[in-house]
Protein backbone atom coordinates (compact mmCIF):
# COMPACT_ATOMS: atom_id res chain seq x y z
CA MET A 1 -32.79 -64.34 46.58
CA VAL A 2 -34.58 -63.75 49.89
CA THR A 3 -34.16 -66.31 52.68
CA LYS A 4 -34.36 -70.02 53.22
CA LYS A 5 -38.02 -69.49 54.10
CA GLN A 6 -38.66 -67.01 51.30
CA ARG A 7 -39.21 -64.16 53.72
CA GLY A 8 -38.68 -60.47 53.33
CA GLN A 9 -39.39 -57.49 51.12
CA PRO A 10 -36.70 -55.36 49.51
CA ALA A 11 -34.48 -54.09 52.30
CA ARG A 12 -35.36 -50.64 53.62
CA LYS A 13 -33.26 -48.72 56.10
CA PRO A 14 -35.17 -48.31 59.39
CA HIS A 15 -36.19 -44.71 59.73
CA SER A 16 -38.07 -42.44 62.09
CA THR A 17 -41.70 -41.67 61.30
CA ASN A 18 -43.49 -38.41 62.09
CA GLY A 19 -40.45 -37.11 63.95
CA GLU A 20 -40.66 -39.91 66.52
CA SER A 21 -37.49 -40.30 68.57
CA GLY A 22 -35.49 -43.50 68.85
CA ALA A 23 -36.50 -43.90 72.51
CA ALA A 24 -40.15 -43.50 71.62
CA ARG A 25 -39.86 -46.10 68.87
CA LEU A 26 -38.28 -48.59 71.31
CA SER A 27 -41.03 -47.92 73.85
CA HIS A 28 -43.63 -48.51 71.13
CA HIS A 29 -41.83 -51.74 70.21
CA ARG A 30 -41.89 -52.96 73.79
CA ARG A 31 -45.64 -52.36 74.04
CA ALA A 32 -46.22 -54.28 70.82
CA THR A 33 -44.04 -57.11 72.10
CA HIS A 34 -45.96 -57.48 75.35
CA ASN A 35 -49.12 -57.97 73.29
CA ALA A 36 -47.46 -60.80 71.31
CA ARG A 37 -47.56 -63.44 74.04
CA MET A 38 -44.85 -63.21 76.70
CA THR A 39 -41.64 -63.37 74.70
CA HIS A 40 -38.78 -61.00 75.55
CA TRP A 41 -37.81 -58.25 73.12
CA ILE A 42 -34.06 -57.71 73.59
CA ASP A 43 -32.97 -54.25 72.48
CA THR A 44 -29.78 -53.72 74.50
CA PRO A 45 -26.61 -55.85 74.67
CA ASP A 46 -26.75 -55.70 78.48
CA ALA A 47 -30.24 -57.21 78.49
CA LEU A 48 -29.02 -60.04 76.30
CA ARG A 49 -26.03 -60.68 78.54
CA ALA A 50 -28.30 -60.79 81.57
CA HIS A 51 -30.51 -63.44 80.00
CA LEU A 52 -27.45 -65.47 78.96
CA ALA A 53 -25.59 -65.18 82.26
CA GLN A 54 -26.38 -68.83 82.97
CA PRO A 55 -26.74 -70.40 79.52
CA PRO A 56 -28.75 -73.62 79.25
CA ALA A 57 -27.45 -76.88 77.85
CA SER A 58 -29.22 -76.17 74.56
CA VAL A 59 -30.89 -73.32 72.73
CA GLY A 60 -33.26 -73.17 69.81
CA LEU A 61 -31.93 -70.69 67.29
CA ASP A 62 -33.25 -69.02 64.15
CA THR A 63 -32.87 -65.78 62.22
CA GLU A 64 -34.79 -63.51 59.92
CA PHE A 65 -32.75 -61.81 57.24
CA ILE A 66 -33.05 -60.01 53.92
CA ARG A 67 -30.98 -61.04 50.91
CA GLU A 68 -32.54 -59.48 47.85
CA ARG A 69 -30.18 -56.62 47.03
CA THR A 70 -26.99 -57.77 48.71
CA TYR A 71 -24.53 -60.64 48.49
CA TRP A 72 -24.46 -61.10 52.25
CA PRO A 73 -27.63 -61.70 54.27
CA GLN A 74 -28.72 -58.66 56.24
CA LEU A 75 -29.42 -60.02 59.71
CA ALA A 76 -32.73 -58.52 60.87
CA LEU A 77 -33.79 -60.62 63.87
CA VAL A 78 -32.37 -63.43 66.00
CA GLN A 79 -34.71 -65.77 67.87
CA VAL A 80 -33.39 -67.74 70.85
CA ALA A 81 -35.27 -70.36 72.86
CA LEU A 82 -33.49 -70.87 76.17
CA GLY A 83 -33.93 -74.57 76.84
CA GLU A 84 -37.22 -76.39 77.18
CA ALA A 85 -40.39 -74.37 77.68
CA ASP A 86 -42.02 -74.10 81.10
CA PRO A 87 -45.66 -75.31 80.73
CA ALA A 88 -46.74 -72.57 83.11
CA ALA A 89 -45.15 -69.87 80.93
CA PRO A 90 -44.51 -71.49 77.54
CA ASP A 91 -43.03 -68.39 75.89
CA ALA A 92 -41.10 -66.84 78.75
CA HIS A 93 -37.92 -68.60 77.57
CA ILE A 94 -38.01 -67.04 74.09
CA LEU A 95 -35.77 -64.07 73.30
CA LEU A 96 -36.34 -61.93 70.21
CA VAL A 97 -33.01 -60.18 69.75
CA ASP A 98 -32.63 -57.01 67.67
CA PRO A 99 -29.28 -57.31 65.83
CA LEU A 100 -29.67 -53.81 64.38
CA VAL A 101 -28.77 -52.39 67.79
CA PRO A 102 -25.07 -51.45 68.00
CA GLY A 103 -23.09 -54.03 69.94
CA MET A 104 -25.80 -56.70 69.82
CA CYS A 105 -24.01 -59.00 67.37
CA GLU A 106 -20.90 -58.88 69.53
CA ALA A 107 -23.02 -59.76 72.56
CA LEU A 108 -24.30 -62.86 70.75
CA VAL A 109 -20.80 -64.22 70.13
CA PRO A 110 -20.25 -65.95 73.51
CA LEU A 111 -23.47 -67.94 73.13
CA LEU A 112 -22.83 -68.86 69.49
CA ALA A 113 -19.27 -69.99 70.22
CA ASP A 114 -19.95 -71.78 73.53
CA PRO A 115 -19.02 -75.45 72.98
CA ALA A 116 -21.12 -76.47 76.00
CA VAL A 117 -24.38 -75.16 74.49
CA LEU A 118 -26.04 -77.18 71.73
CA LYS A 119 -27.63 -75.02 69.05
CA ILE A 120 -30.83 -76.50 67.60
CA MET A 121 -31.72 -75.03 64.20
CA HIS A 122 -33.79 -75.96 61.17
CA SER A 123 -32.38 -75.76 57.65
CA ALA A 124 -29.47 -73.78 59.01
CA SER A 125 -27.27 -73.21 55.96
CA GLU A 126 -28.25 -69.61 55.16
CA ASP A 127 -28.65 -68.71 58.83
CA LEU A 128 -25.05 -69.83 59.29
CA VAL A 129 -23.91 -67.46 56.55
CA ALA A 130 -25.84 -64.63 58.22
CA PHE A 131 -24.26 -65.35 61.62
CA ARG A 132 -20.78 -65.67 60.18
CA HIS A 133 -21.03 -62.35 58.35
CA ALA A 134 -22.73 -60.38 61.15
CA CYS A 135 -21.07 -61.96 64.20
CA GLY A 136 -17.85 -63.41 62.83
CA VAL A 137 -18.53 -66.87 64.32
CA LEU A 138 -20.61 -69.94 63.52
CA PRO A 139 -23.05 -71.47 66.02
CA ALA A 140 -21.62 -74.78 67.18
CA PRO A 141 -22.17 -77.50 68.20
CA LEU A 142 -25.17 -77.73 65.90
CA PHE A 143 -28.20 -80.00 65.57
CA ASP A 144 -30.07 -79.31 62.30
CA THR A 145 -33.60 -80.68 62.55
CA GLN A 146 -34.11 -80.75 58.77
CA VAL A 147 -30.97 -82.84 58.26
CA ALA A 148 -31.89 -85.02 61.23
CA ALA A 149 -35.40 -85.65 59.88
CA ALA A 150 -33.97 -86.83 56.57
CA LEU A 151 -31.42 -89.13 58.20
CA ALA A 152 -34.08 -90.55 60.54
CA GLY A 153 -36.28 -91.37 57.55
CA VAL A 154 -39.00 -88.89 58.50
CA GLY A 155 -38.74 -87.00 55.21
CA GLY A 156 -36.28 -85.25 52.95
CA GLY A 157 -36.02 -81.46 52.77
CA MET A 158 -38.99 -80.96 55.10
CA GLY A 159 -39.89 -77.38 55.87
CA TYR A 160 -40.18 -76.32 59.48
CA GLN A 161 -43.96 -75.94 59.34
CA LYS A 162 -44.46 -79.39 57.88
CA LEU A 163 -42.07 -81.04 60.32
CA VAL A 164 -43.72 -79.37 63.32
CA GLN A 165 -47.13 -80.51 62.08
CA ALA A 166 -45.92 -84.09 61.57
CA SER A 167 -44.09 -84.28 64.89
CA THR A 168 -46.26 -82.29 67.28
CA GLY A 169 -49.62 -81.87 65.56
CA VAL A 170 -49.29 -78.08 65.82
CA THR A 171 -50.24 -76.05 62.73
CA LEU A 172 -48.16 -72.90 62.30
CA ALA A 173 -49.33 -69.74 60.57
CA LYS A 174 -47.93 -68.69 57.19
CA GLY A 175 -48.91 -65.04 57.41
CA GLU A 176 -45.51 -63.35 57.62
CA THR A 177 -43.60 -65.20 54.91
CA ARG A 178 -43.23 -61.98 52.87
CA SER A 179 -42.69 -59.64 55.79
CA ASP A 180 -40.22 -56.75 56.07
CA TRP A 181 -38.03 -57.80 58.99
CA LEU A 182 -35.86 -54.68 58.88
CA ARG A 183 -38.65 -52.32 59.79
CA ARG A 184 -39.04 -51.10 63.35
CA PRO A 185 -41.18 -51.58 65.28
CA LEU A 186 -42.08 -55.10 64.24
CA SER A 187 -45.76 -55.91 64.47
CA PRO A 188 -47.20 -58.29 67.09
CA ALA A 189 -47.97 -60.72 64.25
CA GLN A 190 -44.34 -60.63 63.14
CA LEU A 191 -43.08 -61.17 66.68
CA ASP A 192 -45.38 -64.12 67.29
CA TYR A 193 -44.49 -65.63 63.92
CA ALA A 194 -40.78 -65.24 64.71
CA ALA A 195 -41.21 -66.85 68.10
CA ASP A 196 -42.94 -69.82 66.47
CA ASP A 197 -39.72 -70.53 64.59
CA VAL A 198 -37.96 -71.53 67.82
CA ARG A 199 -40.93 -72.46 69.99
CA HIS A 200 -40.92 -76.12 68.89
CA LEU A 201 -37.24 -76.77 68.18
CA HIS A 202 -36.54 -78.51 71.46
CA ALA A 203 -39.49 -80.85 70.98
CA LEU A 204 -38.23 -81.70 67.49
CA HIS A 205 -34.73 -82.26 68.80
CA ARG A 206 -35.97 -84.59 71.51
CA GLN A 207 -37.86 -86.78 69.03
CA LEU A 208 -35.28 -86.77 66.26
CA ASP A 209 -32.29 -87.31 68.52
CA ALA A 210 -34.02 -90.35 70.06
CA ALA A 211 -34.83 -91.71 66.59
CA LEU A 212 -31.26 -91.29 65.35
CA GLN A 213 -29.82 -92.94 68.44
CA ALA A 214 -32.22 -95.87 68.08
CA GLN A 215 -31.16 -96.30 64.44
CA GLY A 216 -27.45 -95.88 65.17
CA ARG A 217 -27.28 -92.79 62.95
CA SER A 218 -26.24 -90.04 65.35
CA GLY A 219 -22.76 -90.16 63.84
CA TRP A 220 -24.25 -89.59 60.39
CA LEU A 221 -25.78 -86.32 61.56
CA GLN A 222 -22.53 -85.22 63.17
CA GLU A 223 -20.65 -85.81 59.91
CA ASP A 224 -23.17 -83.96 57.77
CA VAL A 225 -23.37 -81.00 60.16
CA ALA A 226 -19.57 -80.81 60.41
CA ARG A 227 -19.34 -80.67 56.61
CA LEU A 228 -22.03 -77.95 56.52
CA LEU A 229 -20.15 -75.83 59.04
CA ALA A 230 -16.87 -76.34 57.19
CA THR A 231 -18.48 -75.28 53.91
CA VAL A 232 -19.79 -72.05 55.39
CA ALA A 233 -16.48 -71.36 57.13
CA ASP A 234 -14.57 -71.73 53.85
CA GLU A 235 -13.89 -68.19 52.67
CA ASP A 236 -12.81 -69.29 49.21
CA GLY A 237 -16.24 -70.52 48.11
CA ASP A 238 -16.78 -73.00 45.29
CA ARG A 239 -13.41 -73.81 43.72
CA TRP A 240 -14.89 -74.88 40.38
CA PRO A 241 -17.99 -72.70 39.81
CA HIS A 242 -18.02 -73.38 36.06
CA LEU A 243 -19.25 -76.91 36.75
CA SER A 244 -22.58 -75.50 37.95
CA LEU A 245 -23.30 -73.87 34.57
CA ARG A 246 -24.85 -76.27 32.11
CA SER A 247 -23.80 -74.09 29.17
CA ALA A 248 -20.13 -74.48 30.18
CA GLN A 249 -20.09 -77.95 28.62
CA PHE A 250 -20.37 -76.36 25.17
CA LEU A 251 -17.11 -74.45 25.60
CA ASP A 252 -13.74 -75.90 24.66
CA GLY A 253 -11.01 -76.30 27.26
CA ASP A 254 -9.64 -72.77 26.85
CA GLY A 255 -13.15 -71.34 26.95
CA GLN A 256 -13.90 -73.17 30.19
CA ARG A 257 -10.74 -71.79 31.75
CA ARG A 258 -11.71 -68.25 30.69
CA LEU A 259 -15.14 -68.83 32.21
CA LEU A 260 -13.55 -70.04 35.44
CA ARG A 261 -11.48 -66.84 35.64
CA LEU A 262 -14.57 -64.69 35.16
CA LEU A 263 -16.63 -66.58 37.75
CA ARG A 264 -13.84 -66.47 40.34
CA TRP A 265 -13.46 -62.72 39.75
CA ARG A 266 -17.24 -62.23 40.01
CA GLU A 267 -17.39 -64.09 43.32
CA ALA A 268 -14.63 -61.99 44.84
CA TYR A 269 -16.14 -58.74 43.55
CA ALA A 270 -19.62 -59.67 44.78
CA ARG A 271 -18.29 -60.30 48.26
CA ARG A 272 -16.28 -57.08 48.38
CA SER A 273 -19.10 -54.91 47.04
CA ASP A 274 -21.90 -56.81 48.84
CA ARG A 275 -23.96 -57.10 45.67
CA PRO A 276 -25.68 -60.16 44.16
CA ARG A 277 -23.55 -62.06 41.65
CA SER A 278 -26.09 -61.62 38.86
CA TRP A 279 -26.03 -57.84 39.31
CA ILE A 280 -22.32 -57.84 38.53
CA LEU A 281 -22.10 -60.35 35.69
CA ASP A 282 -24.90 -62.74 34.79
CA ASN A 283 -24.14 -66.29 33.73
CA GLU A 284 -25.25 -65.87 30.12
CA LEU A 285 -22.95 -62.92 29.52
CA ALA A 286 -20.04 -64.66 31.29
CA VAL A 287 -20.37 -67.62 28.93
CA ALA A 288 -20.68 -65.33 25.91
CA ILE A 289 -17.46 -63.55 26.86
CA ALA A 290 -15.61 -66.80 27.56
CA ARG A 291 -16.68 -68.24 24.22
CA GLN A 292 -14.58 -65.70 22.29
CA PRO A 293 -10.90 -66.72 22.21
CA ALA A 294 -9.25 -63.49 21.05
CA LEU A 295 -11.41 -60.80 22.60
CA GLY A 296 -9.39 -57.63 23.04
CA ARG A 297 -10.19 -54.79 25.39
CA GLY A 298 -12.08 -52.90 22.68
CA GLY A 299 -14.05 -55.97 21.60
CA LEU A 300 -15.00 -56.68 25.19
CA GLN A 301 -16.30 -53.15 25.64
CA GLN A 302 -18.32 -53.42 22.43
CA LEU A 303 -19.91 -56.62 23.73
CA LEU A 304 -20.69 -54.97 27.07
CA ASP A 305 -22.15 -51.90 25.39
CA ALA A 306 -24.38 -54.07 23.21
CA THR A 307 -25.70 -56.14 26.11
CA PRO A 308 -28.55 -54.80 28.29
CA LYS A 309 -27.67 -54.50 32.00
CA ALA A 310 -24.03 -55.42 31.32
CA PRO A 311 -21.38 -54.01 33.70
CA ARG A 312 -20.07 -51.45 31.23
CA ASN A 313 -18.10 -49.58 33.88
CA LEU A 314 -16.24 -52.75 34.89
CA GLY A 315 -14.67 -53.40 31.50
CA ASP A 316 -11.10 -52.90 32.69
CA ALA A 317 -11.50 -55.23 35.66
CA LEU A 318 -13.25 -57.84 33.52
CA PHE A 319 -10.52 -57.73 30.89
CA GLU A 320 -7.81 -58.09 33.52
CA ALA A 321 -9.58 -61.11 35.03
CA LEU A 322 -10.12 -62.63 31.61
CA SER A 323 -6.46 -62.20 30.68
CA SER A 324 -4.93 -63.42 33.97
CA PRO A 325 -4.42 -67.21 34.21
CA LEU A 326 -5.24 -68.75 37.58
CA ALA A 327 -2.55 -70.66 39.42
CA ASP A 328 -4.71 -73.79 39.63
CA GLU A 329 -6.75 -73.61 36.44
CA ALA A 330 -4.82 -76.50 34.89
CA ASP A 331 -6.33 -78.68 37.63
CA ALA A 332 -9.91 -77.65 36.81
CA PRO A 333 -12.15 -80.60 35.94
CA PRO A 334 -13.92 -80.13 32.61
CA ALA A 335 -17.62 -79.38 32.47
CA ARG A 336 -19.11 -82.33 30.64
CA GLY A 337 -22.43 -83.02 29.03
CA ASP A 338 -24.07 -86.34 28.27
CA ASP A 339 -20.94 -88.09 27.05
CA ARG A 340 -20.69 -90.40 30.07
CA ASP A 341 -21.77 -94.03 30.06
CA LYS A 342 -25.54 -93.64 30.45
CA LYS A 343 -26.12 -97.30 31.15
CA GLN A 344 -23.56 -97.25 33.92
CA LEU A 345 -25.04 -94.07 35.39
CA ARG A 346 -28.51 -95.64 35.44
CA ALA A 347 -27.12 -98.71 37.19
CA LEU A 348 -25.46 -96.48 39.80
CA GLN A 349 -28.70 -94.58 40.33
CA ASP A 350 -30.67 -97.81 40.70
CA ALA A 351 -28.18 -99.11 43.27
CA VAL A 352 -28.45 -95.88 45.26
CA ALA A 353 -32.24 -96.02 45.10
CA ALA A 354 -32.19 -99.61 46.36
CA ALA A 355 -29.91 -98.67 49.25
CA SER A 356 -32.13 -95.70 50.12
CA ALA A 357 -35.23 -97.90 50.17
CA GLU A 358 -33.48 -100.49 52.30
CA LEU A 359 -32.42 -97.85 54.84
CA GLY A 360 -35.69 -95.91 54.70
CA LEU A 361 -33.94 -92.76 53.50
CA PRO A 362 -35.42 -90.06 51.25
CA GLU A 363 -34.51 -90.17 47.59
CA GLY A 364 -31.44 -88.09 46.81
CA LEU A 365 -30.04 -88.08 50.33
CA LEU A 366 -27.37 -90.70 49.71
CA ALA A 367 -25.98 -89.40 46.43
CA SER A 368 -27.14 -86.97 43.79
CA ARG A 369 -26.66 -87.48 40.06
CA ARG A 370 -23.81 -84.97 40.12
CA LEU A 371 -21.98 -86.97 42.80
CA LEU A 372 -22.44 -90.18 40.83
CA GLU A 373 -21.10 -88.49 37.70
CA SER A 374 -18.10 -87.41 39.77
CA LEU A 375 -17.49 -91.06 40.65
CA GLN A 376 -17.71 -91.94 36.96
CA ASP A 377 -15.07 -89.29 36.29
CA GLY A 378 -12.77 -90.75 38.94
CA GLY A 379 -13.42 -88.02 41.48
CA GLY A 380 -13.15 -90.36 44.44
CA TRP A 381 -15.00 -90.76 47.70
CA THR A 382 -14.52 -87.19 48.87
CA GLY A 383 -16.73 -84.41 50.16
CA ALA A 384 -20.32 -85.55 50.64
CA LEU A 385 -19.38 -89.08 49.52
CA ALA A 386 -16.88 -89.56 52.31
CA GLY A 387 -17.57 -91.01 55.73
CA TRP A 388 -20.81 -92.87 56.34
CA ARG A 389 -22.00 -92.55 52.74
CA ARG A 390 -18.86 -94.24 51.50
CA ALA A 391 -19.38 -97.07 54.00
CA VAL A 392 -22.93 -97.57 52.72
CA LEU A 393 -22.35 -97.10 49.00
CA GLU A 394 -18.85 -98.23 48.11
CA PRO A 395 -19.57 -101.99 48.37
CA ARG A 396 -22.60 -101.50 46.11
CA LEU A 397 -21.15 -99.08 43.56
CA SER A 398 -17.55 -100.22 43.11
CA PRO A 399 -18.51 -103.32 41.07
CA LEU A 400 -20.63 -101.10 38.81
CA LEU A 401 -17.81 -98.62 38.26
CA GLY A 402 -15.56 -101.34 36.86
CA ALA A 403 -11.91 -101.93 37.57
CA GLY A 404 -10.72 -98.58 36.27
CA GLY A 405 -13.49 -96.56 37.88
CA ALA A 406 -13.28 -98.42 41.17
CA ALA A 407 -9.53 -97.87 41.38
CA ALA A 408 -9.87 -94.18 40.63
CA ALA A 409 -12.72 -93.81 43.10
CA SER A 410 -10.87 -95.60 45.89
CA VAL A 411 -9.07 -92.47 47.02
């Protein structure tokens, strides 16, 4: 996993080259920055505080991070556009902030947490995780231009480059999509590319906010963004991770509960050790372990020893997790296959597609197949199906769910 924009090479610790001192490297970085238009390279917390002494009503915000060898994103650069651009100096309002500098993340906190400053971001979900881990806060209030574009009927899941092209006619370069953002100094091409990521956010916000207000959908965006922020703020993660594994449906009830224990343990271990989940215990091995009902400590170790790249040194911890029932595992919904009413599911999907077409919304925005299956299972109008989606869909879907399904889904 890299970033939401598929940027970054394997993380490398910044290091001195040819005996060059830290001060010399910063001086070199400043010279490179001045050649990359007129953005501001911020390499001290005091410089950042000076620029933010009088914060604007809104900022464009983006990050570059590496997430190939770690669980948590490694924040490598923060881009801030301070309000609308001045036509006479279109890049003078752009700050390129170096979060590798000690104290810089702490200096960002007042801006990120300021309720009077709107943060405009695009496809913010992984950026939010990076900010929460590095700075301890989430940027709010938030306007996500990708979410807004979908709700306004512009397009679903549009990348930043495509949305900028469609909205402003500006074509952005692709040249740094596989760049190493942890190196110092960054090249002029990297700096200009990074600045592009916030250069047009205010223009997008202006257009999309007007469109949503005209359509009466501003509240929809607020709901979806609030749910996104709440999801990132939730330290517990996915409560039922076994439901995301297709192979879990082939396990019996006890096997699914063993799998749930393993996946919960893996999540906690990955966070503590800051390593990718798959490096600790991959899904295939987790299912293989959960499939065996009476696997003792010795049998588990034999399985680990016989499996390439298995966590052989974690056998004791794995066995303890496997053998320790969870307090809430009796409440776990079962992972199911294709045993639901297929005709009913198709009717639900057709009704959602009709509603999407009527509202001019991208396919999949109203309700995914997984959400519709949850309704079939009596999961109720919760999570992503609550709020405005429930108001749109419940009158259409309740008759299709039948008396039993409609009653169960009414919660």
